[in-house]
Amino acid sequence: MERKNAWLSYGEADETAMEKLAKDYRAFLDAGKTERECVTELVREAEANGYVNLETKLAAGEKIQPGDKVYAVGMKKIMTLFHVGQEPLEKGMNILGAHIDSPRLDIKQNPLYEDTQQALLETHYYGGIKKYQWVARPLALHGVAALKDGSVVDINIGEDINDPVVGISDLLIHLAGEQMSKKADKVIEGEDLNILIGSMPKPADKDENEKAESELVKKNILALLKEKYGIEEEDFLSAEIEAVPAGPARDYGIDRSMIMGYGHDDRVCAYPSLIAQLESKDLEKTGVCILVDKEEIGSV
């Protein structure tokens, strides 16, 4: 069956509305590169559109009534929004569902090590990724760490234009003869997806025995993390840090007809589902929008 190009069906008003949605979607992609960040943005937009936290409503002893707009958040990674309709729930609901997790590299719980005077982070990949696509590209680190004093710090390294980025090094072409003869799924192995984060050693103290000093690059990285985030090496055990492609979403194509950005799958469904939920009015059946994580691993 031949399908008509959707662009041909848009009028001027449609294009204006579509461009606004696309601009807002790009901003959502930039602000929400992890599930936690997505939920933060989702809550902000929901509350701006009259939604109330379900826990707050129940704690106040308020009864849920037709027309109410409520949301609930689980583990700061999943979210459900309800716009209560006029009909009782046993008559059914209209449900929109999508996931807000995307393929990425998770930083392990004891990740930092030094090798050949370089500091690296060990990772394991989350979701189905083409491993060779993750080398020789700028990566950013997003996440949280729970410190010994009980406080939780947000980590975001690599998105601000003045930030450094990190990455996974690859072989120069004239040194990669053996690598280039491998199949695509073997060119880069999972255990080779270690992120290079530094190469500058911490100067040894003058009164210390220089021979006793080791892992000076690692020590310098830890000193920088301590200075900016208050993080010590043990804090990696309680941290949840993800490596994702650095940089903002962009218009793609000379005609600006497409969007290039990390996290299209499945946030291209999640964000329009949210907007459809927020813009719904005078519902007969209750409208529900469910946005979840853990889809990309395929087994939960």
C-alpha atoms as a PDB file:
ATOM      1  CA  MET A   1       0.000   0.000   0.000  1.00  0.00           C
ATOM      2  CA  GLU A   2       1.390   3.390  -0.979  1.00  0.00           C
ATOM      3  CA  ARG A   3       1.556   5.841   1.900  1.00  0.00           C
ATOM      4  CA  LYS A   4       1.319   9.560   1.289  1.00  0.00           C
ATOM      5  CA  ASN A   5       4.214  11.633   2.595  1.00  0.00           C
ATOM      6  CA  ALA A   6       2.963  13.296   5.791  1.00  0.00           C
ATOM      7  CA  TRP A   7       4.666  16.575   4.879  1.00  0.00           C
ATOM      8  CA  LEU A   8       2.250  16.945   1.958  1.00  0.00           C
ATOM      9  CA  SER A   9      -0.736  16.968   4.309  1.00  0.00           C
ATOM     10  CA  TYR A  10       0.463  19.861   6.499  1.00  0.00           C
ATOM     11  CA  GLY A  11      -1.011  23.318   6.224  1.00  0.00           C
ATOM     12  CA  GLU A  12       0.748  26.431   7.483  1.00  0.00           C
ATOM     13  CA  ALA A  13      -0.811  26.159  10.948  1.00  0.00           C
ATOM     14  CA  ASP A  14       0.140  22.457  11.128  1.00  0.00           C
ATOM     15  CA  GLU A  15       3.751  23.218  10.263  1.00  0.00           C
ATOM     16  CA  THR A  16       3.914  25.958  12.898  1.00  0.00           C
ATOM     17  CA  ALA A  17       2.540  23.608  15.579  1.00  0.00           C
ATOM     18  CA  MET A  18       4.844  20.802  14.434  1.00  0.00           C
ATOM     19  CA  GLU A  19       7.922  23.049  14.564  1.00  0.00           C
ATOM     20  CA  LYS A  20       7.065  24.072  18.130  1.00  0.00           C
ATOM     21  CA  LEU A  21       6.643  20.446  19.165  1.00  0.00           C
ATOM     22  CA  ALA A  22       9.951  19.518  17.507  1.00  0.00           C
ATOM     23  CA  LYS A  23      11.755  22.377  19.256  1.00  0.00           C
ATOM     24  CA  ASP A  24      10.335  21.341  22.622  1.00  0.00           C
ATOM     25  CA  TYR A  25      11.236  17.710  21.882  1.00  0.00           C
ATOM     26  CA  ARG A  26      14.854  18.628  21.136  1.00  0.00           C
ATOM     27  CA  ALA A  27      15.000  20.470  24.460  1.00  0.00           C
ATOM     28  CA  PHE A  28      13.591  17.367  26.174  1.00  0.00           C
ATOM     29  CA  LEU A  29      16.264  15.169  24.555  1.00  0.00           C
ATOM     30  CA  ASP A  30      18.977  17.525  25.800  1.00  0.00           C
ATOM     31  CA  ALA A  31      17.626  17.762  29.343  1.00  0.00           C
ATOM     32  CA  GLY A  32      16.746  14.074  29.685  1.00  0.00           C
ATOM     33  CA  LYS A  33      19.640  11.843  28.696  1.00  0.00           C
ATOM     34  CA  THR A  34      18.942   9.403  31.537  1.00  0.00           C
ATOM     35  CA  GLU A  35      15.717   8.059  33.023  1.00  0.00           C
ATOM     36  CA  ARG A  36      16.211  10.176  36.156  1.00  0.00           C
ATOM     37  CA  GLU A  37      16.661  13.333  34.121  1.00  0.00           C
ATOM     38  CA  CYS A  38      13.649  12.455  31.963  1.00  0.00           C
ATOM     39  CA  VAL A  39      11.440  12.046  35.028  1.00  0.00           C
ATOM     40  CA  THR A  40      12.629  15.399  36.397  1.00  0.00           C
ATOM     41  CA  GLU A  41      11.567  17.054  33.139  1.00  0.00           C
ATOM     42  CA  LEU A  42       8.296  15.110  32.999  1.00  0.00           C
ATOM     43  CA  VAL A  43       7.367  16.202  36.526  1.00  0.00           C
ATOM     44  CA  ARG A  44       8.183  19.819  35.715  1.00  0.00           C
ATOM     45  CA  GLU A  45       5.973  19.786  32.618  1.00  0.00           C
ATOM     46  CA  ALA A  46       3.164  17.899  34.360  1.00  0.00           C
ATOM     47  CA  GLU A  47       3.014  20.329  37.281  1.00  0.00           C
ATOM     48  CA  ALA A  48       3.108  23.280  34.893  1.00  0.00           C
ATOM     49  CA  ASN A  49      -0.011  21.802  33.295  1.00  0.00           C
ATOM     50  CA  GLY A  50      -1.983  21.343  36.505  1.00  0.00           C
ATOM     51  CA  TYR A  51      -0.989  17.817  37.539  1.00  0.00           C
ATOM     52  CA  VAL A  52      -0.568  17.112  41.258  1.00  0.00           C
ATOM     53  CA  ASN A  53       1.562  14.474  42.948  1.00  0.00           C
ATOM     54  CA  LEU A  54      -0.735  11.618  43.966  1.00  0.00           C
ATOM     55  CA  GLU A  55       1.082  11.161  47.301  1.00  0.00           C
ATOM     56  CA  THR A  56       0.499  14.826  48.179  1.00  0.00           C
ATOM     57  CA  LYS A  57      -3.193  14.527  47.382  1.00  0.00           C
ATOM     58  CA  LEU A  58      -3.642  11.353  49.418  1.00  0.00           C
ATOM     59  CA  ALA A  59      -1.643  12.727  52.360  1.00  0.00           C
ATOM     60  CA  ALA A  60      -4.036  15.671  52.468  1.00  0.00           C
ATOM     61  CA  GLY A  61      -6.975  13.257  52.643  1.00  0.00           C
ATOM     62  CA  GLU A  62      -8.377  14.453  49.334  1.00  0.00           C
ATOM     63  CA  LYS A  63     -10.577  12.095  47.350  1.00  0.00           C
ATOM     64  CA  ILE A  64      -9.866  11.508  43.671  1.00  0.00           C
ATOM     65  CA  GLN A  65     -12.635  13.086  41.596  1.00  0.00           C
ATOM     66  CA  PRO A  66     -13.508  13.148  37.871  1.00  0.00           C
ATOM     67  CA  GLY A  67     -11.435  15.833  36.193  1.00  0.00           C
ATOM     68  CA  ASP A  68      -8.497  15.431  38.598  1.00  0.00           C
ATOM     69  CA  LYS A  69      -4.996  15.290  37.126  1.00  0.00           C
ATOM     70  CA  VAL A  70      -2.491  13.336  39.201  1.00  0.00           C
ATOM     71  CA  TYR A  71       0.896  11.722  38.694  1.00  0.00           C
ATOM     72  CA  ALA A  72       3.030   9.184  40.526  1.00  0.00           C
ATOM     73  CA  VAL A  73       6.794   8.584  40.358  1.00  0.00           C
ATOM     74  CA  GLY A  74       8.608   5.331  41.134  1.00  0.00           C
ATOM     75  CA  MET A  75      12.292   5.205  42.104  1.00  0.00           C
ATOM     76  CA  LYS A  76      12.755   8.549  40.294  1.00  0.00           C
ATOM     77  CA  LYS A  77      12.881   6.554  37.033  1.00  0.00           C
ATOM     78  CA  ILE A  78       9.292   5.804  36.046  1.00  0.00           C
ATOM     79  CA  MET A  79       6.189   7.949  35.949  1.00  0.00           C
ATOM     80  CA  THR A  80       2.472   7.528  35.442  1.00  0.00           C
ATOM     81  CA  LEU A  81      -0.008  10.322  34.780  1.00  0.00           C
ATOM     82  CA  PHE A  82      -3.792  10.023  35.239  1.00  0.00           C
ATOM     83  CA  HIS A  83      -6.420  12.395  33.916  1.00  0.00           C
ATOM     84  CA  VAL A  84      -9.515  11.058  35.649  1.00  0.00           C
ATOM     85  CA  GLY A  85     -12.511  10.783  33.339  1.00  0.00           C
ATOM     86  CA  GLN A  86     -16.236  10.976  34.009  1.00  0.00           C
ATOM     87  CA  GLU A  87     -16.805   7.234  33.674  1.00  0.00           C
ATOM     88  CA  PRO A  88     -15.816   4.825  36.486  1.00  0.00           C
ATOM     89  CA  LEU A  89     -12.540   2.949  36.018  1.00  0.00           C
ATOM     90  CA  GLU A  90     -14.308  -0.373  35.549  1.00  0.00           C
ATOM     91  CA  LYS A  91     -15.563   1.044  32.230  1.00  0.00           C
ATOM     92  CA  GLY A  92     -11.950   1.084  31.025  1.00  0.00           C
ATOM     93  CA  MET A  93      -9.090   3.504  30.457  1.00  0.00           C
ATOM     94  CA  ASN A  94      -7.249   4.875  27.443  1.00  0.00           C
ATOM     95  CA  ILE A  95      -3.560   4.175  27.985  1.00  0.00           C
ATOM     96  CA  LEU A  96      -0.458   5.561  26.288  1.00  0.00           C
ATOM     97  CA  GLY A  97       2.795   3.724  27.038  1.00  0.00           C
ATOM     98  CA  ALA A  98       6.438   4.271  26.156  1.00  0.00           C
ATOM     99  CA  HIS A  99       9.882   3.845  27.671  1.00  0.00           C
ATOM    100  CA  ILE A 100      12.394   6.533  28.600  1.00  0.00           C
ATOM    101  CA  ASP A 101      15.564   4.428  28.887  1.00  0.00           C
ATOM    102  CA  SER A 102      18.039   4.231  26.012  1.00  0.00           C
ATOM    103  CA  PRO A 103      21.142   2.160  25.191  1.00  0.00           C
ATOM    104  CA  ARG A 104      24.174   3.464  27.060  1.00  0.00           C
ATOM    105  CA  LEU A 105      27.293   2.519  29.004  1.00  0.00           C
ATOM    106  CA  ASP A 106      26.894   2.080  32.758  1.00  0.00           C
ATOM    107  CA  ILE A 107      29.898   2.837  34.960  1.00  0.00           C
ATOM    108  CA  LYS A 108      30.694  -0.138  37.193  1.00  0.00           C
ATOM    109  CA  GLN A 109      30.646   0.100  40.992  1.00  0.00           C
ATOM    110  CA  ASN A 110      34.443  -0.156  41.354  1.00  0.00           C
ATOM    111  CA  PRO A 111      35.414   1.339  38.015  1.00  0.00           C
ATOM    112  CA  LEU A 112      38.461   3.582  38.324  1.00  0.00           C
ATOM    113  CA  TYR A 113      41.897   2.193  37.497  1.00  0.00           C
ATOM    114  CA  GLU A 114      45.193   3.293  35.973  1.00  0.00           C
ATOM    115  CA  ASP A 115      46.957   1.550  33.099  1.00  0.00           C
ATOM    116  CA  THR A 116      50.036   2.769  31.204  1.00  0.00           C
ATOM    117  CA  GLN A 117      49.756   6.145  32.931  1.00  0.00           C
ATOM    118  CA  GLN A 118      46.163   6.651  31.888  1.00  0.00           C
ATOM    119  CA  ALA A 119      43.064   6.722  34.097  1.00  0.00           C
ATOM    120  CA  LEU A 120      40.059   4.727  32.881  1.00  0.00           C
ATOM    121  CA  LEU A 121      36.569   3.720  33.979  1.00  0.00           C
ATOM    122  CA  GLU A 122      35.285   0.177  33.532  1.00  0.00           C
ATOM    123  CA  THR A 123      31.786  -0.090  32.060  1.00  0.00           C
ATOM    124  CA  HIS A 124      29.136  -2.563  31.091  1.00  0.00           C
ATOM    125  CA  TYR A 125      26.789  -1.822  28.221  1.00  0.00           C
ATOM    126  CA  TYR A 126      23.077  -1.447  28.773  1.00  0.00           C
ATOM    127  CA  GLY A 127      20.676  -2.343  25.995  1.00  0.00           C
ATOM    128  CA  GLY A 128      21.445  -3.435  22.477  1.00  0.00           C
ATOM    129  CA  ILE A 129      24.333  -1.336  21.215  1.00  0.00           C
ATOM    130  CA  LYS A 130      26.623  -1.527  18.219  1.00  0.00           C
ATOM    131  CA  LYS A 131      29.866  -1.412  20.183  1.00  0.00           C
ATOM    132  CA  TYR A 132      31.964  -0.017  17.351  1.00  0.00           C
ATOM    133  CA  GLN A 133      29.775   3.101  17.301  1.00  0.00           C
ATOM    134  CA  TRP A 134      30.856   4.055  20.828  1.00  0.00           C
ATOM    135  CA  VAL A 135      34.585   4.509  20.209  1.00  0.00           C
ATOM    136  CA  ALA A 136      36.330   7.722  19.165  1.00  0.00           C
ATOM    137  CA  ARG A 137      33.322   9.881  19.956  1.00  0.00           C
ATOM    138  CA  PRO A 138      32.822  12.446  22.728  1.00  0.00           C
ATOM    139  CA  LEU A 139      30.949  11.054  25.703  1.00  0.00           C
ATOM    140  CA  ALA A 140      29.415  12.755  28.739  1.00  0.00           C
ATOM    141  CA  LEU A 141      28.933  11.367  32.233  1.00  0.00           C
ATOM    142  CA  HIS A 142      25.492  11.735  33.844  1.00  0.00           C
ATOM    143  CA  GLY A 143      24.306  10.388  37.165  1.00  0.00           C
ATOM    144  CA  VAL A 144      24.151  10.636  40.919  1.00  0.00           C
ATOM    145  CA  ALA A 145      26.324   9.598  43.846  1.00  0.00           C
ATOM    146  CA  ALA A 146      25.275   9.112  47.460  1.00  0.00           C
ATOM    147  CA  LEU A 147      28.004  10.405  49.773  1.00  0.00           C
ATOM    148  CA  LYS A 148      28.939   9.180  53.230  1.00  0.00           C
ATOM    149  CA  ASP A 149      27.049  12.023  54.896  1.00  0.00           C
ATOM    150  CA  GLY A 150      23.824  10.886  53.228  1.00  0.00           C
ATOM    151  CA  SER A 151      23.675  13.687  50.675  1.00  0.00           C
ATOM    152  CA  VAL A 152      23.175  12.920  46.985  1.00  0.00           C
ATOM    153  CA  VAL A 153      25.082  14.885  44.344  1.00  0.00           C
ATOM    154  CA  ASP A 154      24.180  15.196  40.686  1.00  0.00           C
ATOM    155  CA  ILE A 155      26.958  14.525  38.192  1.00  0.00           C
ATOM    156  CA  ASN A 156      27.021  16.047  34.726  1.00  0.00           C
ATOM    157  CA  ILE A 157      30.368  16.209  32.932  1.00  0.00           C
ATOM    158  CA  GLY A 158      30.629  16.909  29.226  1.00  0.00           C
ATOM    159  CA  GLU A 159      27.454  18.769  28.238  1.00  0.00           C
ATOM    160  CA  ASP A 160      28.429  22.376  28.940  1.00  0.00           C
ATOM    161  CA  ILE A 161      30.505  23.859  26.110  1.00  0.00           C
ATOM    162  CA  ASN A 162      33.242  24.620  28.641  1.00  0.00           C
ATOM    163  CA  ASP A 163      33.254  21.069  30.046  1.00  0.00           C
ATOM    164  CA  PRO A 164      35.795  18.438  29.068  1.00  0.00           C
ATOM    165  CA  VAL A 165      34.442  15.299  27.434  1.00  0.00           C
ATOM    166  CA  VAL A 166      35.586  11.694  27.844  1.00  0.00           C
ATOM    167  CA  GLY A 167      35.655   8.775  25.433  1.00  0.00           C
ATOM    168  CA  ILE A 168      36.823   5.337  24.356  1.00  0.00           C
ATOM    169  CA  SER A 169      40.035   5.323  22.337  1.00  0.00           C
ATOM    170  CA  ASP A 170      40.391   3.375  19.089  1.00  0.00           C
ATOM    171  CA  LEU A 171      43.326   2.217  16.955  1.00  0.00           C
ATOM    172  CA  LEU A 172      44.825   4.301  14.165  1.00  0.00           C
ATOM    173  CA  ILE A 173      44.025   2.811  10.763  1.00  0.00           C
ATOM    174  CA  HIS A 174      47.637   1.794  10.031  1.00  0.00           C
ATOM    175  CA  LEU A 175      47.767  -0.122  13.341  1.00  0.00           C
ATOM    176  CA  ALA A 176      44.361  -1.768  12.931  1.00  0.00           C
ATOM    177  CA  GLY A 177      45.003  -4.472  10.337  1.00  0.00           C
ATOM    178  CA  GLU A 178      43.873  -7.325  12.578  1.00  0.00           C
ATOM    179  CA  GLN A 179      40.937  -5.302  13.925  1.00  0.00           C
ATOM    180  CA  MET A 180      39.665  -4.425  10.436  1.00  0.00           C
ATOM    181  CA  SER A 181      39.519  -8.093   9.447  1.00  0.00           C
ATOM    182  CA  LYS A 182      36.983  -8.883  12.192  1.00  0.00           C
ATOM    183  CA  LYS A 183      33.215  -9.022  11.896  1.00  0.00           C
ATOM    184  CA  ALA A 184      31.315  -5.937  13.054  1.00  0.00           C
ATOM    185  CA  ASP A 185      30.286  -7.561  16.350  1.00  0.00           C
ATOM    186  CA  LYS A 186      33.934  -8.381  17.123  1.00  0.00           C
ATOM    187  CA  VAL A 187      35.693  -5.182  15.997  1.00  0.00           C
ATOM    188  CA  ILE A 188      35.226  -3.771  19.502  1.00  0.00           C
ATOM    189  CA  GLU A 189      34.594  -6.253  22.298  1.00  0.00           C
ATOM    190  CA  GLY A 190      32.462  -5.395  25.318  1.00  0.00           C
ATOM    191  CA  GLU A 191      35.435  -5.596  27.678  1.00  0.00           C
ATOM    192  CA  ASP A 192      37.233  -2.962  25.570  1.00  0.00           C
ATOM    193  CA  LEU A 193      34.585  -0.312  26.220  1.00  0.00           C
ATOM    194  CA  ASN A 194      36.599   1.319  28.995  1.00  0.00           C
ATOM    195  CA  ILE A 195      36.378   5.091  29.137  1.00  0.00           C
ATOM    196  CA  LEU A 196      39.573   7.149  29.099  1.00  0.00           C
ATOM    197  CA  ILE A 197      39.175  10.042  31.547  1.00  0.00           C
ATOM    198  CA  GLY A 198      42.665  11.404  32.172  1.00  0.00           C
ATOM    199  CA  SER A 199      46.428  11.220  31.679  1.00  0.00           C
ATOM    200  CA  MET A 200      47.881  13.943  33.916  1.00  0.00           C
ATOM    201  CA  PRO A 201      49.687  12.697  37.042  1.00  0.00           C
ATOM    202  CA  LYS A 202      49.263  14.284  40.434  1.00  0.00           C
ATOM    203  CA  PRO A 203      52.617  15.839  41.382  1.00  0.00           C
ATOM    204  CA  ALA A 204      54.398  13.839  44.073  1.00  0.00           C
ATOM    205  CA  ASP A 205      54.968  15.604  47.370  1.00  0.00           C
ATOM    206  CA  LYS A 206      58.576  16.701  47.701  1.00  0.00           C
ATOM    207  CA  ASP A 207      59.004  15.034  51.063  1.00  0.00           C
ATOM    208  CA  GLU A 208      57.639  11.681  49.816  1.00  0.00           C
ATOM    209  CA  ASN A 209      59.690   8.881  48.387  1.00  0.00           C
ATOM    210  CA  GLU A 210      59.092   9.175  44.638  1.00  0.00           C
ATOM    211  CA  LYS A 211      59.485   5.419  44.148  1.00  0.00           C
ATOM    212  CA  ALA A 212      56.666   4.784  46.577  1.00  0.00           C
ATOM    213  CA  GLU A 213      54.296   6.886  44.499  1.00  0.00           C
ATOM    214  CA  SER A 214      52.064   4.965  42.083  1.00  0.00           C
ATOM    215  CA  GLU A 215      48.859   5.558  40.151  1.00  0.00           C
ATOM    216  CA  LEU A 216      49.478   9.306  40.129  1.00  0.00           C
ATOM    217  CA  VAL A 217      47.039   9.840  37.240  1.00  0.00           C
ATOM    218  CA  LYS A 218      44.274   8.060  39.134  1.00  0.00           C
ATOM    219  CA  LYS A 219      45.075  10.120  42.236  1.00  0.00           C
ATOM    220  CA  ASN A 220      44.806  13.314  40.217  1.00  0.00           C
ATOM    221  CA  ILE A 221      41.367  12.302  38.887  1.00  0.00           C
ATOM    222  CA  LEU A 222      40.177  11.504  42.410  1.00  0.00           C
ATOM    223  CA  ALA A 223      41.443  14.876  43.619  1.00  0.00           C
ATOM    224  CA  LEU A 224      39.486  16.651  40.886  1.00  0.00           C
ATOM    225  CA  LEU A 225      36.300  14.690  41.654  1.00  0.00           C
ATOM    226  CA  LYS A 226      36.715  15.459  45.355  1.00  0.00           C
ATOM    227  CA  GLU A 227      37.167  19.155  44.617  1.00  0.00           C
ATOM    228  CA  LYS A 228      34.120  19.514  42.329  1.00  0.00           C
ATOM    229  CA  TYR A 229      31.655  16.922  43.640  1.00  0.00           C
ATOM    230  CA  GLY A 230      32.957  15.842  47.050  1.00  0.00           C
ATOM    231  CA  ILE A 231      33.291  12.293  45.684  1.00  0.00           C
ATOM    232  CA  GLU A 232      35.855   9.842  47.032  1.00  0.00           C
ATOM    233  CA  GLU A 233      36.716   6.493  45.470  1.00  0.00           C
ATOM    234  CA  GLU A 234      34.437   4.556  47.847  1.00  0.00           C
ATOM    235  CA  ASP A 235      31.507   6.701  46.715  1.00  0.00           C
ATOM    236  CA  PHE A 236      31.499   4.927  43.352  1.00  0.00           C
ATOM    237  CA  LEU A 237      29.921   1.995  45.200  1.00  0.00           C
ATOM    238  CA  SER A 238      26.800   4.059  45.835  1.00  0.00           C
ATOM    239  CA  ALA A 239      26.878   5.930  42.529  1.00  0.00           C
ATOM    240  CA  GLU A 240      24.777   5.452  39.443  1.00  0.00           C
ATOM    241  CA  ILE A 241      26.650   7.020  36.537  1.00  0.00           C
ATOM    242  CA  GLU A 242      25.958   6.567  32.831  1.00  0.00           C
ATOM    243  CA  ALA A 243      28.062   7.463  29.789  1.00  0.00           C
ATOM    244  CA  VAL A 244      26.096   8.848  26.847  1.00  0.00           C
ATOM    245  CA  PRO A 245      26.982  10.732  23.669  1.00  0.00           C
ATOM    246  CA  ALA A 246      27.845  14.338  24.512  1.00  0.00           C
ATOM    247  CA  GLY A 247      26.239  17.338  22.892  1.00  0.00           C
ATOM    248  CA  PRO A 248      22.778  18.654  22.064  1.00  0.00           C
ATOM    249  CA  ALA A 249      20.177  17.336  19.634  1.00  0.00           C
ATOM    250  CA  ARG A 250      20.363  19.082  16.259  1.00  0.00           C
ATOM    251  CA  ASP A 251      18.255  19.712  13.205  1.00  0.00           C
ATOM    252  CA  TYR A 252      19.264  17.119  10.608  1.00  0.00           C
ATOM    253  CA  GLY A 253      19.231  17.680   6.873  1.00  0.00           C
ATOM    254  CA  ILE A 254      19.763  20.896   4.925  1.00  0.00           C
ATOM    255  CA  ASP A 255      15.986  21.292   4.902  1.00  0.00           C
ATOM    256  CA  ARG A 256      15.863  20.794   8.703  1.00  0.00           C
ATOM    257  CA  SER A 257      13.252  18.101   8.187  1.00  0.00           C
ATOM    258  CA  MET A 258      14.681  15.662  10.746  1.00  0.00           C
ATOM    259  CA  ILE A 259      16.255  15.579  14.199  1.00  0.00           C
ATOM    260  CA  MET A 260      19.541  13.979  15.201  1.00  0.00           C
ATOM    261  CA  GLY A 261      19.977  13.325  18.889  1.00  0.00           C
ATOM    262  CA  TYR A 262      20.768  10.672  21.462  1.00  0.00           C
ATOM    263  CA  GLY A 263      17.769   8.851  22.887  1.00  0.00           C
ATOM    264  CA  HIS A 264      15.303   8.889  19.969  1.00  0.00           C
ATOM    265  CA  ASP A 265      14.396   5.309  20.885  1.00  0.00           C
ATOM    266  CA  ASP A 266      11.928   5.585  22.525  1.00  0.00           C
ATOM    267  CA  ARG A 267      11.689   9.176  23.676  1.00  0.00           C
ATOM    268  CA  VAL A 268      10.286  10.044  20.264  1.00  0.00           C
ATOM    269  CA  CYS A 269       7.240   8.124  21.517  1.00  0.00           C
ATOM    270  CA  ALA A 270       7.467   9.139  25.175  1.00  0.00           C
ATOM    271  CA  TYR A 271       7.448  12.913  24.668  1.00  0.00           C
ATOM    272  CA  PRO A 272       4.510  13.070  22.219  1.00  0.00           C
ATOM    273  CA  SER A 273       2.618  10.698  24.545  1.00  0.00           C
ATOM    274  CA  LEU A 274       3.227  13.134  27.396  1.00  0.00           C
ATOM    275  CA  ILE A 275       2.043  16.091  25.307  1.00  0.00           C
ATOM    276  CA  ALA A 276      -1.072  14.197  24.198  1.00  0.00           C
ATOM    277  CA  GLN A 277      -1.830  13.451  27.848  1.00  0.00           C
ATOM    278  CA  LEU A 278      -1.266  17.047  28.954  1.00  0.00           C
ATOM    279  CA  GLU A 279      -3.433  18.479  26.168  1.00  0.00           C
ATOM    280  CA  SER A 280      -6.382  16.122  26.684  1.00  0.00           C
ATOM    281  CA  LYS A 281      -9.578  17.804  27.876  1.00  0.00           C
ATOM    282  CA  ASP A 282     -13.043  16.804  29.125  1.00  0.00           C
ATOM    283  CA  LEU A 283     -12.412  13.045  29.106  1.00  0.00           C
ATOM    284  CA  GLU A 284     -15.164  10.470  29.357  1.00  0.00           C
ATOM    285  CA  LYS A 285     -12.729   7.597  30.009  1.00  0.00           C
ATOM    286  CA  THR A 286      -9.724   8.092  32.255  1.00  0.00           C
ATOM    287  CA  GLY A 287      -6.577   8.886  30.274  1.00  0.00           C
ATOM    288  CA  VAL A 288      -3.311   7.337  31.423  1.00  0.00           C
ATOM    289  CA  CYS A 289       0.283   7.877  30.295  1.00  0.00           C
ATOM    290  CA  ILE A 290       2.850   5.322  31.523  1.00  0.00           C
ATOM    291  CA  LEU A 291       6.553   6.078  30.984  1.00  0.00           C
ATOM    292  CA  VAL A 292       8.950   3.393  32.198  1.00  0.00           C
ATOM    293  CA  ASP A 293      12.557   2.254  32.262  1.00  0.00           C
ATOM    294  CA  LYS A 294      14.205  -1.163  31.802  1.00  0.00           C
ATOM    295  CA  GLU A 295      12.691  -1.761  28.343  1.00  0.00           C
ATOM    296  CA  GLU A 296      16.046  -1.759  26.613  1.00  0.00           C
ATOM    297  CA  ILE A 297      17.316  -4.824  28.468  1.00  0.00           C
ATOM    298  CA  GLY A 298      14.480  -6.823  26.980  1.00  0.00           C
ATOM    299  CA  SER A 299      14.084  -9.265  29.841  1.00  0.00           C
ATOM    300  CA  VAL A 300      12.092  -7.345  32.467  1.00  0.00           C
END
